[in-house]
C-alpha atoms as a PDB file:
ATOM      1  CA  MET A   1     141.038   6.666 -39.872  1.00  0.00           C
ATOM      2  CA  TYR A   2     138.506   5.940 -37.135  1.00  0.00           C
ATOM      3  CA  GLY A   3     137.571   8.267 -34.313  1.00  0.00           C
ATOM      4  CA  GLY A   4     138.126  11.628 -35.961  1.00  0.00           C
ATOM      5  CA  PRO A   5     135.824  14.636 -35.833  1.00  0.00           C
ATOM      6  CA  GLN A   6     133.878  13.345 -38.843  1.00  0.00           C
ATOM      7  CA  PHE A   7     133.082  10.110 -36.985  1.00  0.00           C
ATOM      8  CA  VAL A   8     131.916  12.033 -33.914  1.00  0.00           C
ATOM      9  CA  ALA A   9     129.729  14.309 -36.022  1.00  0.00           C
ATOM     10  CA  THR A  10     128.223  11.332 -37.875  1.00  0.00           C
ATOM     11  CA  PHE A  11     127.499   9.554 -34.570  1.00  0.00           C
ATOM     12  CA  PHE A  12     125.837  12.695 -33.169  1.00  0.00           C
ATOM     13  CA  VAL A  13     123.700  13.264 -36.279  1.00  0.00           C
ATOM     14  CA  ALA A  14     122.643   9.603 -36.468  1.00  0.00           C
ATOM     15  CA  ASN A  15     121.576   9.629 -32.815  1.00  0.00           C
ATOM     16  CA  PHE A  16     119.709  12.895 -33.277  1.00  0.00           C
ATOM     17  CA  LEU A  17     117.798  11.512 -36.288  1.00  0.00           C
ATOM     18  CA  PHE A  18     116.843   8.376 -34.376  1.00  0.00           C
ATOM     19  CA  ALA A  19     115.822  10.560 -31.413  1.00  0.00           C
ATOM     20  CA  LEU A  20     113.446  12.464 -33.689  1.00  0.00           C
ATOM     21  CA  GLY A  21     111.987   9.121 -34.740  1.00  0.00           C
ATOM     22  CA  TYR A  22     111.510   7.992 -31.129  1.00  0.00           C
ATOM     23  CA  VAL A  23     109.771  11.277 -30.296  1.00  0.00           C
ATOM     24  CA  ALA A  24     107.520  10.870 -33.346  1.00  0.00           C
ATOM     25  CA  VAL A  25     106.454   7.261 -32.703  1.00  0.00           C
ATOM     26  CA  GLY A  26     106.691   7.129 -28.907  1.00  0.00           C
ATOM     27  CA  GLY A  27     106.565   3.727 -27.282  1.00  0.00           C
ATOM     28  CA  VAL A  28     109.632   4.132 -25.061  1.00  0.00           C
ATOM     29  CA  HIS A  29     108.909   3.325 -21.426  1.00  0.00           C
ATOM     30  CA  GLY A  30     110.299   5.911 -19.010  1.00  0.00           C
ATOM     31  CA  MET A  31     110.687   8.675 -21.596  1.00  0.00           C
ATOM     32  CA  GLN A  32     108.681  11.860 -21.137  1.00  0.00           C
ATOM     33  CA  GLU A  33     106.435  12.483 -24.117  1.00  0.00           C
ATOM     34  CA  GLY A  34     108.066  14.899 -26.552  1.00  0.00           C
ATOM     35  CA  SER A  35     111.442  15.007 -24.768  1.00  0.00           C
ATOM     36  CA  ILE A  36     114.074  15.190 -27.506  1.00  0.00           C
ATOM     37  CA  LEU A  37     116.880  15.080 -24.912  1.00  0.00           C
ATOM     38  CA  GLU A  38     115.653  11.838 -23.348  1.00  0.00           C
ATOM     39  CA  ALA A  39     115.053  10.387 -26.815  1.00  0.00           C
ATOM     40  CA  PHE A  40     118.625  11.334 -27.757  1.00  0.00           C
ATOM     41  CA  PHE A  41     120.052   9.570 -24.701  1.00  0.00           C
ATOM     42  CA  PHE A  42     117.886   6.521 -25.421  1.00  0.00           C
ATOM     43  CA  SER A  43     119.228   6.508 -28.965  1.00  0.00           C
ATOM     44  CA  VAL A  44     122.825   6.656 -27.680  1.00  0.00           C
ATOM     45  CA  GLN A  45     122.097   3.677 -25.398  1.00  0.00           C
ATOM     46  CA  THR A  46     120.620   1.754 -28.315  1.00  0.00           C
ATOM     47  CA  ILE A  47     123.217   2.545 -30.994  1.00  0.00           C
ATOM     48  CA  GLY A  48     126.086   2.217 -28.514  1.00  0.00           C
ATOM     49  CA  THR A  49     124.707  -1.145 -27.319  1.00  0.00           C
ATOM     50  CA  VAL A  50     125.158   0.000 -23.724  1.00  0.00           C
ATOM     51  CA  GLY A  51     121.956  -1.709 -22.671  1.00  0.00           C
ATOM     52  CA  TYR A  52     118.663  -0.467 -21.359  1.00  0.00           C
ATOM     53  CA  GLY A  53     118.136   0.909 -17.893  1.00  0.00           C
ATOM     54  CA  ALA A  54     115.072   2.891 -16.890  1.00  0.00           C
ATOM     55  CA  MET A  55     114.006   3.437 -20.521  1.00  0.00           C
ATOM     56  CA  TYR A  56     113.227   0.620 -22.914  1.00  0.00           C
ATOM     57  CA  PRO A  57     111.121   0.145 -26.050  1.00  0.00           C
ATOM     58  CA  GLU A  58     107.605  -1.127 -25.459  1.00  0.00           C
ATOM     59  CA  SER A  59     105.865  -0.654 -28.807  1.00  0.00           C
ATOM     60  CA  LEU A  60     106.383  -2.244 -32.208  1.00  0.00           C
ATOM     61  CA  ALA A  61     107.319   1.143 -33.667  1.00  0.00           C
ATOM     62  CA  ALA A  62     109.994   1.769 -31.025  1.00  0.00           C
ATOM     63  CA  HIS A  63     111.378  -1.746 -31.431  1.00  0.00           C
ATOM     64  CA  SER A  64     111.557  -1.268 -35.197  1.00  0.00           C
END
């Protein structure tokens, strides 16, 4: 079954792990250095394929 609490938890954890990666490598335009919250929201935009607004990747590490 899709959409249950396990799916939501997995989505949250995946975004948090990617956010940690974005904080570690940097290279995201418009994101304050070291901001885990902004990195988390950027990760949600990326994984959710919402599209980029004010923040977007600008380094090879962030693109990867």
